Protein backbone atom coordinates (compact mmCIF):
# COMPACT_ATOMS: atom_id res chain seq x y z
CA MET A 1 16.41 -11.54 -2.67
CA ALA A 2 15.51 -9.32 0.65
CA VAL A 3 11.79 -8.47 0.27
CA TRP A 4 13.06 -4.71 -0.18
CA ASP A 5 14.50 -5.63 -3.36
CA ASP A 6 11.53 -4.23 -5.64
CA LEU A 7 11.49 -1.04 -3.60
CA VAL A 8 12.95 1.34 -6.48
CA GLY A 9 14.57 4.33 -5.36
CA GLN A 10 13.11 4.59 -2.32
CA GLU A 11 16.18 3.97 0.07
CA ARG A 12 14.90 6.18 2.33
CA VAL A 13 11.72 5.13 2.56
CA GLN A 14 13.03 1.03 3.32
CA GLU A 15 15.58 2.12 5.89
CA GLN A 16 12.43 3.45 8.01
CA LEU A 17 10.47 0.50 7.30
CA ALA A 18 13.55 -2.08 7.79
CA ALA A 19 13.86 -0.40 11.21
CA ALA A 20 10.34 -0.72 12.11
CA ALA A 21 10.50 -4.43 11.35
CA LYS A 22 13.59 -4.83 13.66
CA ASP A 23 11.30 -3.00 16.31
CA ALA A 24 8.50 -5.12 15.63
CA ASP A 25 9.82 -8.52 16.07
CA ALA A 26 11.38 -7.35 19.77
CA LEU A 27 7.79 -6.57 20.23
CA VAL A 28 6.53 -9.86 19.63
CA THR A 29 9.97 -11.64 21.05
CA ALA A 30 9.39 -9.59 23.88
CA GLY A 31 5.77 -10.29 24.60
CA ALA A 32 6.32 -13.75 24.07
CA ALA A 33 9.09 -13.60 27.20
CA GLY A 34 6.84 -11.48 29.21
CA GLU A 35 8.94 -8.35 28.85
CA ARG A 36 8.85 -5.12 27.82
CA PRO A 37 11.10 -3.81 25.05
CA ALA A 38 13.39 -1.03 26.01
CA ASP A 39 12.76 0.57 22.76
CA ALA A 40 10.27 0.07 20.10
CA SER A 41 8.78 3.33 18.82
CA ARG A 42 9.77 2.81 15.02
CA MET A 43 6.52 0.41 15.47
CA THR A 44 3.30 1.64 15.08
CA HIS A 45 0.02 -0.08 14.52
CA ALA A 46 -1.51 1.95 11.23
CA TRP A 47 0.65 3.50 8.38
CA LEU A 48 0.19 5.78 5.08
CA PHE A 49 2.05 5.24 2.19
CA THR A 50 1.33 7.79 -0.24
CA GLY A 51 3.22 8.97 -3.36
CA PRO A 52 2.60 9.86 -7.08
CA PRO A 53 1.24 6.92 -9.32
CA GLY A 54 3.96 4.44 -10.13
CA SER A 55 6.50 5.04 -7.34
CA GLY A 56 5.86 1.72 -5.54
CA ARG A 57 3.14 2.34 -2.31
CA ALA A 58 1.67 -0.81 -3.06
CA THR A 59 5.16 -2.61 -3.26
CA ALA A 60 6.39 -0.88 -0.12
CA ALA A 61 3.14 -2.25 1.97
CA ARG A 62 3.29 -5.28 0.90
CA ALA A 63 7.39 -5.82 1.55
CA PHE A 64 6.97 -3.90 5.01
CA ALA A 65 3.73 -6.57 5.71
CA ALA A 66 6.37 -9.73 4.40
CA ALA A 67 9.24 -8.88 6.82
CA LEU A 68 6.73 -8.73 9.75
CA GLN A 69 6.10 -11.91 9.25
CA CYS A 70 9.57 -12.88 8.38
CA THR A 71 10.55 -16.29 10.08
CA SER A 72 14.39 -16.74 8.93
CA PRO A 73 16.35 -18.11 11.85
CA ASP A 74 18.69 -15.04 10.98
CA ARG A 75 16.70 -12.47 13.30
CA ALA A 76 17.66 -14.45 16.61
CA LEU A 77 21.94 -13.59 15.35
CA GLY A 78 20.44 -10.20 15.17
CA GLY A 79 20.01 -10.29 11.15
CA SER A 80 17.21 -7.96 9.90
CA PRO A 81 13.37 -9.40 9.20
CA GLY A 82 12.59 -9.17 5.53
CA CYS A 83 15.23 -12.29 4.12
CA GLY A 84 12.66 -12.39 1.38
CA PHE A 85 13.23 -16.46 0.86
CA CYS A 86 11.69 -17.71 4.20
CA ASP A 87 7.79 -19.28 4.23
CA GLY A 88 6.52 -16.25 5.84
CA CYS A 89 8.27 -13.81 3.55
CA HIS A 90 7.40 -16.04 0.46
CA THR A 91 3.36 -16.37 1.17
CA SER A 92 3.06 -12.50 2.20
CA LEU A 93 4.52 -11.36 -0.99
CA VAL A 94 2.50 -14.36 -3.57
CA GLY A 95 -0.45 -13.43 -1.42
CA THR A 96 -0.90 -16.43 0.17
CA HIS A 97 -0.32 -16.24 4.04
CA ALA A 98 -2.99 -16.87 6.46
CA ASP A 99 -2.38 -13.64 8.53
CA VAL A 100 -1.79 -10.99 5.24
CA GLU A 101 -4.83 -9.32 4.03
CA VAL A 102 -4.64 -7.06 0.72
CA VAL A 103 -7.05 -5.31 -0.44
CA ARG A 104 -7.84 -3.71 -4.10
CA THR A 105 -10.68 -2.90 -6.06
CA ASP A 106 -11.61 -2.86 -9.31
CA LEU A 107 -14.61 -0.80 -8.67
CA LEU A 108 -14.92 2.99 -8.33
CA SER A 109 -14.81 3.07 -4.74
CA ILE A 110 -14.89 0.89 -0.89
CA GLY A 111 -18.03 0.77 0.44
CA VAL A 112 -19.28 0.66 4.01
CA LYS A 113 -19.64 -3.48 3.68
CA GLU A 114 -16.61 -4.67 2.42
CA THR A 115 -14.70 -2.03 5.33
CA ARG A 116 -16.68 -3.78 7.85
CA ASP A 117 -15.54 -7.41 7.26
CA LEU A 118 -12.27 -6.04 6.98
CA VAL A 119 -12.64 -4.33 10.86
CA ARG A 120 -14.11 -7.67 11.91
CA ARG A 121 -10.97 -9.54 10.40
CA ALA A 122 -9.03 -7.16 12.05
CA GLN A 123 -9.82 -7.87 15.75
CA LEU A 124 -8.78 -11.55 14.85
CA SER A 125 -5.29 -12.89 16.70
CA PRO A 126 -2.88 -13.73 14.01
CA ALA A 127 -3.90 -17.86 13.07
CA VAL A 128 -0.25 -18.55 11.85
CA GLY A 129 2.12 -15.67 11.67
CA ARG A 130 3.82 -12.60 13.93
CA TRP A 131 0.88 -10.02 13.24
CA GLN A 132 -2.34 -9.67 11.73
CA VAL A 133 -1.96 -7.41 8.42
CA ILE A 134 -4.42 -5.44 6.73
CA VAL A 135 -2.70 -3.89 3.43
CA LEU A 136 -5.60 -1.43 1.84
CA GLU A 137 -3.97 -0.46 -1.74
CA ASP A 138 -6.61 1.93 -2.52
CA ALA A 139 -7.87 3.77 0.53
CA ASP A 140 -8.54 6.77 -1.34
CA ARG A 141 -11.46 5.13 -2.84
CA LEU A 142 -13.31 4.47 0.72
CA THR A 143 -16.43 6.15 0.70
CA GLU A 144 -17.27 8.42 3.34
CA GLY A 145 -18.83 5.91 5.17
CA ALA A 146 -16.36 3.46 4.91
CA GLY A 147 -13.91 5.75 5.93
CA ASN A 148 -16.04 6.41 8.98
CA VAL A 149 -16.02 2.57 9.98
CA LEU A 150 -12.02 2.09 9.32
CA LEU A 151 -11.88 5.15 11.76
CA LYS A 152 -12.84 3.17 14.43
CA ALA A 153 -10.38 0.35 14.19
CA VAL A 154 -7.70 2.53 13.82
CA GLU A 155 -8.33 4.34 16.73
CA GLU A 156 -8.64 1.17 18.53
CA PRO A 157 -6.66 -1.40 17.27
CA ALA A 158 -6.43 -5.20 18.25
CA PRO A 159 -2.80 -6.00 19.82
CA ARG A 160 -1.37 -7.52 17.09
CA THR A 161 -2.70 -5.91 14.05
CA VAL A 162 -1.13 -3.70 11.64
CA TRP A 163 -3.21 -1.49 9.15
CA LEU A 164 -1.14 -0.48 5.67
CA LEU A 165 -3.01 1.96 3.61
CA CYS A 166 -1.91 3.39 0.45
CA ALA A 167 -3.46 6.54 -1.07
CA PRO A 168 -1.70 9.24 -3.82
CA SER A 169 -1.88 11.49 -1.14
CA LEU A 170 -2.49 12.89 2.27
CA GLU A 171 -5.31 15.07 1.29
CA ASP A 172 -7.21 11.53 -0.25
CA VAL A 173 -7.34 10.61 3.23
CA LEU A 174 -9.98 11.28 5.98
CA PRO A 175 -8.34 14.02 8.30
CA THR A 176 -9.36 11.96 10.84
CA ILE A 177 -7.81 8.36 9.88
CA ARG A 178 -4.15 9.63 8.46
CA SER A 179 -3.97 11.84 11.67
CA ARG A 180 -3.56 8.23 13.65
CA CYS A 181 -1.06 7.01 11.06
CA ARG A 182 2.69 7.15 10.91
CA HIS A 183 2.87 8.83 7.36
CA LEU A 184 5.45 7.43 4.59
CA THR A 185 6.07 9.67 0.95
CA LEU A 186 7.60 7.39 -1.67
CA ARG A 187 8.88 9.45 -4.79
CA THR A 188 8.99 9.13 -8.55
CA PRO A 189 11.87 6.76 -8.99
CA SER A 190 14.24 7.89 -11.72
CA VAL A 191 14.38 6.60 -15.46
CA SER A 192 17.47 4.85 -14.95
CA ALA A 193 16.34 3.23 -11.90
CA VAL A 194 13.43 2.14 -14.04
CA ALA A 195 15.18 0.73 -16.91
CA ASP A 196 17.85 -0.70 -14.76
CA VAL A 197 14.31 -3.11 -13.20
CA LEU A 198 13.31 -3.54 -16.65
CA MET A 199 16.79 -5.37 -17.60
CA ARG A 200 17.73 -6.76 -14.75
CA ARG A 201 14.30 -8.29 -13.84
CA ASP A 202 12.02 -8.65 -16.53
CA GLY A 203 15.04 -9.00 -19.16
CA ILE A 204 14.28 -6.45 -21.36
CA GLU A 205 16.86 -4.82 -23.92
CA PRO A 206 18.76 -1.86 -22.69
CA GLU A 207 17.33 0.17 -25.58
CA ALA A 208 13.96 -1.04 -25.29
CA ALA A 209 14.17 -0.38 -21.19
CA ALA A 210 15.30 3.31 -21.49
CA SER A 211 13.09 4.16 -23.78
CA ALA A 212 9.64 2.68 -22.03
CA ALA A 213 11.05 3.99 -19.03
CA ARG A 214 11.64 7.73 -20.23
CA ALA A 215 8.12 7.68 -22.14
CA THR A 216 6.47 6.58 -18.80
CA GLN A 217 9.10 8.99 -16.96
CA GLY A 218 9.74 6.70 -13.90
CA HIS A 219 6.00 4.98 -13.43
CA ILE A 220 7.76 1.10 -13.10
CA GLY A 221 3.91 -0.30 -13.85
CA ARG A 222 3.41 1.30 -16.87
CA ALA A 223 7.24 1.08 -18.22
CA ARG A 224 6.72 -2.97 -18.17
CA ARG A 225 3.79 -2.80 -19.98
CA LEU A 226 4.89 -0.69 -22.38
CA ALA A 227 7.95 -2.92 -23.20
CA THR A 228 6.21 -6.02 -23.34
CA ASP A 229 2.94 -5.39 -24.83
CA GLU A 230 2.62 -4.31 -28.48
CA ARG A 231 -0.59 -3.04 -28.02
CA ALA A 232 -0.03 -0.88 -25.49
CA ARG A 233 2.97 0.92 -27.46
CA ALA A 234 0.00 1.16 -30.32
CA ARG A 235 -2.51 2.91 -28.05
CA ARG A 236 0.22 5.35 -26.93
CA ALA A 237 1.38 6.55 -30.52
CA SER A 238 -2.12 6.67 -31.42
CA VAL A 239 -2.89 9.01 -28.60
CA LEU A 240 0.81 11.23 -29.43
CA LYS A 241 -0.80 11.43 -32.94
CA LEU A 242 -3.72 13.59 -31.39
CA PRO A 243 -2.59 17.16 -31.39
CA LEU A 244 -1.87 16.70 -35.38
CA ARG A 245 -5.34 16.10 -35.97
CA ILE A 246 -7.08 19.04 -34.16
CA ASP A 247 -7.12 22.03 -36.89
CA GLU A 248 -10.47 21.15 -38.11
CA VAL A 249 -13.26 21.02 -35.84
CA GLY A 250 -14.35 17.52 -37.50
CA GLY A 251 -10.84 16.24 -36.55
CA CYS A 252 -11.22 17.01 -32.91
CA LEU A 253 -14.70 15.40 -32.42
CA LYS A 254 -12.71 12.25 -34.56
CA ALA A 255 -10.10 12.34 -32.44
CA ALA A 256 -12.48 12.28 -29.62
CA GLN A 257 -14.62 9.88 -30.34
CA GLU A 258 -11.35 7.70 -30.95
CA LEU A 259 -9.84 7.82 -27.55
CA VAL A 260 -13.16 7.01 -26.19
CA ASP A 261 -13.76 3.96 -28.10
CA SER A 262 -10.34 2.54 -27.71
CA ALA A 263 -11.06 3.05 -24.14
CA ALA A 264 -13.99 1.33 -24.32
CA GLU A 265 -12.41 -1.43 -26.31
CA ASP A 266 -9.54 -1.79 -23.90
CA ALA A 267 -12.52 -2.07 -21.22
CA LYS A 268 -14.28 -4.62 -23.02
CA GLN A 269 -10.90 -7.01 -23.33
CA VAL A 270 -10.09 -7.34 -20.03
CA SER A 271 -13.74 -7.49 -18.46
CA GLU A 272 -15.10 -10.35 -21.15
CA GLU A 273 -13.02 -12.84 -19.91
CA ILE A 274 -13.12 -12.30 -16.44
CA ASP A 275 -16.95 -11.75 -15.97
CA ALA A 276 -17.40 -15.14 -18.17
CA LYS A 277 -15.66 -16.97 -15.74
CA GLU A 278 -17.14 -15.31 -12.51
CA THR A 279 -20.61 -15.73 -14.14
CA GLU A 280 -20.11 -19.38 -14.48
CA GLU A 281 -18.25 -19.93 -10.89
CA LEU A 282 -21.35 -18.22 -9.92
CA LYS A 283 -23.93 -20.34 -11.36
CA ALA A 284 -21.85 -23.35 -10.34
CA ALA A 285 -21.74 -22.52 -7.04
CA LEU A 286 -26.33 -21.48 -7.21
CA GLY A 287 -26.43 -25.49 -8.37
CA ALA A 288 -27.47 -24.11 -11.84
CA ALA A 289 -27.07 -27.32 -14.46
CA VAL A 290 -25.05 -26.96 -16.96
CA GLY A 291 -26.74 -24.80 -20.45
CA GLY A 292 -30.04 -25.17 -18.21
CA ARG A 293 -31.80 -22.46 -15.98
CA MET A 294 -31.16 -20.82 -12.58
CA PRO A 295 -32.85 -22.21 -9.78
CA ARG A 296 -35.00 -20.15 -8.32
CA GLY A 297 -34.41 -17.31 -5.75
CA THR A 298 -30.98 -16.75 -7.03
CA ALA A 299 -32.09 -14.00 -9.19
CA GLY A 300 -30.60 -11.66 -6.53
CA ALA A 301 -27.22 -13.10 -6.63
CA VAL A 302 -26.97 -12.71 -10.57
CA LYS A 303 -28.24 -9.16 -10.69
CA GLU A 304 -25.69 -8.19 -7.73
CA LEU A 305 -22.76 -9.85 -9.83
CA GLU A 306 -24.13 -8.02 -13.16
CA ASP A 307 -24.04 -4.53 -10.92
CA ARG A 308 -20.17 -5.79 -9.67
CA GLN A 309 -19.52 -6.62 -13.50
CA LYS A 310 -20.89 -3.12 -14.55
CA ARG A 311 -19.14 -0.85 -12.36
CA ARG A 312 -15.40 -2.75 -12.73
CA LYS A 313 -15.86 -1.90 -16.84
CA THR A 314 -16.58 1.43 -15.69
CA ARG A 315 -13.48 1.99 -13.49
CA THR A 316 -11.66 -0.12 -16.30
CA GLN A 317 -12.41 2.74 -18.99
CA ARG A 318 -11.58 5.66 -16.94
CA ASP A 319 -8.31 4.15 -16.05
CA SER A 320 -7.45 3.51 -19.97
CA LEU A 321 -8.48 7.13 -20.72
CA ASP A 322 -6.66 8.37 -17.55
CA LEU A 323 -3.68 7.15 -18.93
CA ALA A 324 -4.09 8.30 -22.40
CA LEU A 325 -4.89 11.76 -21.16
CA THR A 326 -1.28 11.49 -18.61
CA GLU A 327 0.73 10.59 -22.11
CA LEU A 328 -1.18 13.83 -23.83
CA THR A 329 0.04 15.42 -20.78
CA GLY A 330 3.39 14.30 -21.21
CA PHE A 331 3.38 15.44 -24.95
CA TYR A 332 2.78 18.86 -24.15
CA ARG A 333 5.26 19.20 -21.33
CA ASP A 334 7.79 18.19 -23.88
CA VAL A 335 6.50 20.67 -26.48
CA LEU A 336 6.84 23.40 -23.49
CA ALA A 337 10.77 22.46 -22.86
CA MET A 338 11.39 22.41 -26.21
CA GLN A 339 9.47 26.00 -26.87
CA LEU A 340 11.47 27.44 -23.85
CA GLY A 341 14.68 25.70 -24.42
CA SER A 342 15.19 24.44 -20.98
CA GLY A 343 17.07 21.47 -22.00
CA LEU A 344 15.30 19.24 -20.09
CA ALA A 345 15.25 15.31 -21.55
CA LEU A 346 12.00 14.42 -23.59
CA ALA A 347 9.85 11.75 -22.08
CA ASN A 348 9.00 11.11 -25.89
CA GLU A 349 11.79 11.04 -27.57
CA ASP A 350 10.57 8.69 -30.65
CA ALA A 351 7.60 11.30 -31.41
CA ARG A 352 10.56 14.29 -31.65
CA ASP A 353 8.93 15.31 -35.14
CA ALA A 354 5.33 15.85 -33.92
CA LEU A 355 6.67 18.01 -30.92
CA ASP A 356 8.78 19.57 -32.71
CA ARG A 357 6.03 20.82 -35.20
CA VAL A 358 3.60 21.50 -32.62
CA ALA A 359 5.84 23.73 -30.94
CA ARG A 360 6.87 25.72 -33.98
CA SER A 361 3.26 26.35 -34.84
CA SER A 362 2.20 27.62 -30.71
CA SER A 363 3.62 29.50 -28.27
CA PRO A 364 4.48 28.87 -24.38
CA GLU A 365 1.16 30.61 -23.28
CA ARG A 366 -1.08 28.37 -25.61
CA THR A 367 0.87 25.08 -24.56
CA LEU A 368 0.29 25.84 -20.91
CA ARG A 369 -3.63 26.48 -21.74
CA ARG A 370 -3.63 23.10 -23.35
CA ILE A 371 -2.03 21.34 -20.50
CA GLU A 372 -5.00 22.97 -18.42
CA ALA A 373 -7.44 21.77 -20.61
CA VAL A 374 -6.49 18.25 -20.44
CA LEU A 375 -6.45 18.86 -16.82
CA ALA A 376 -9.62 19.52 -16.89
CA CYS A 377 -10.62 16.76 -18.61
CA ARG A 378 -9.52 14.59 -16.38
CA GLU A 379 -11.36 16.56 -13.76
CA ALA A 380 -14.62 16.40 -15.31
CA LEU A 381 -14.26 12.40 -15.48
CA ASP A 382 -13.92 11.94 -12.08
CA ALA A 383 -16.77 13.97 -11.69
CA ASN A 384 -18.81 11.49 -13.45
CA VAL A 385 -19.11 13.59 -16.83
CA ALA A 386 -19.79 11.57 -19.72
CA PRO A 387 -16.71 10.31 -21.04
CA LEU A 388 -17.17 11.75 -24.49
CA LEU A 389 -18.76 14.91 -23.93
CA ALA A 390 -15.29 15.57 -21.56
CA VAL A 391 -13.16 14.42 -24.12
CA GLU A 392 -15.19 16.35 -26.95
CA ALA A 393 -14.74 19.61 -25.04
CA MET A 394 -10.72 18.89 -23.97
CA ALA A 395 -10.13 18.53 -28.08
CA MET A 396 -11.86 21.20 -28.85
CA ALA A 397 -9.71 23.38 -26.14
CA LEU A 398 -6.70 22.08 -27.36
CA ARG A 399 -7.46 23.27 -30.78
CA ALA A 400 -8.41 26.85 -29.33
CA GLY A 401 -5.21 26.45 -27.30
């Protein structure tokens, strides 16, 4: 299995990355022999992967990192890097390669301190591999200060260091950084391609795979979760009932409260187990006896961990709410398609009765205003508006249409 097999519906991007990996291989080989390759223009030191959620930005970056570290003997015979079987490919993909650093954050942002640590690592020569590769999966979460720190490293890269940045769009990255990167745009995979991956790789039944792929409109990660997690399916069903519960003001407020409570419960379930493990590990590292008091001078470290856990819980809650709002947008998109008689395939075919009821009781103009209300709620949450306040305002706007 080649490293590119996890890329779904990205043939053009795959071709570009495979060609760049081959040129990178020629650069290393020629450099070891004291020569200069005739043409390695398809390889560069900084890449920016953009695309909508679920398109596989991080997957593409990790696959490229693996191809750069490929040690397959077939390369000497003209084969392309990225076999997927050698030690370099395998360790890069599973996250244990000494020269591949994959950075993702479960917090709201990436700060200056973390970025400086990355920049220092980027100045090192490869320890065992062919390149020093830094994969920054959440480049859009860099603070302004962190972005300025990263800019210096991208402007003056070490000879064998490659930066792979991932973000939803070009606008999410500082102009000074994106101007120094080679840009690759990924697209949303087709529903049929996602369904095929779920059946082939995860062993999901064809009907369930098709339903999950259609409901998530090509988002691979969400489709896999929806097909395999009963709780995710129950939460989605609850969200799709919200448009039927907003006839009265009381129903609006109750639905908003339940939506926020559900997101908070998701965040709590995700955080509890991780938080407990992190706290015990920190106590052990600081020399605390089991069940005993913490040693003096360790309160600062404990407080720092608690702050980090609180920020992670906040992001998890926001991500859960954002997913619910995305599903709500998809519901009204289907309503609009029915009202306009467009003939488009419905993402929420399993909720056709609810779609038909809402479509018959309103107009396309009202549906568009409702979609705008959901988008306004997402923007409010991004601006740190209190979740309950933002969702209540959205629910009242949905009622007014």
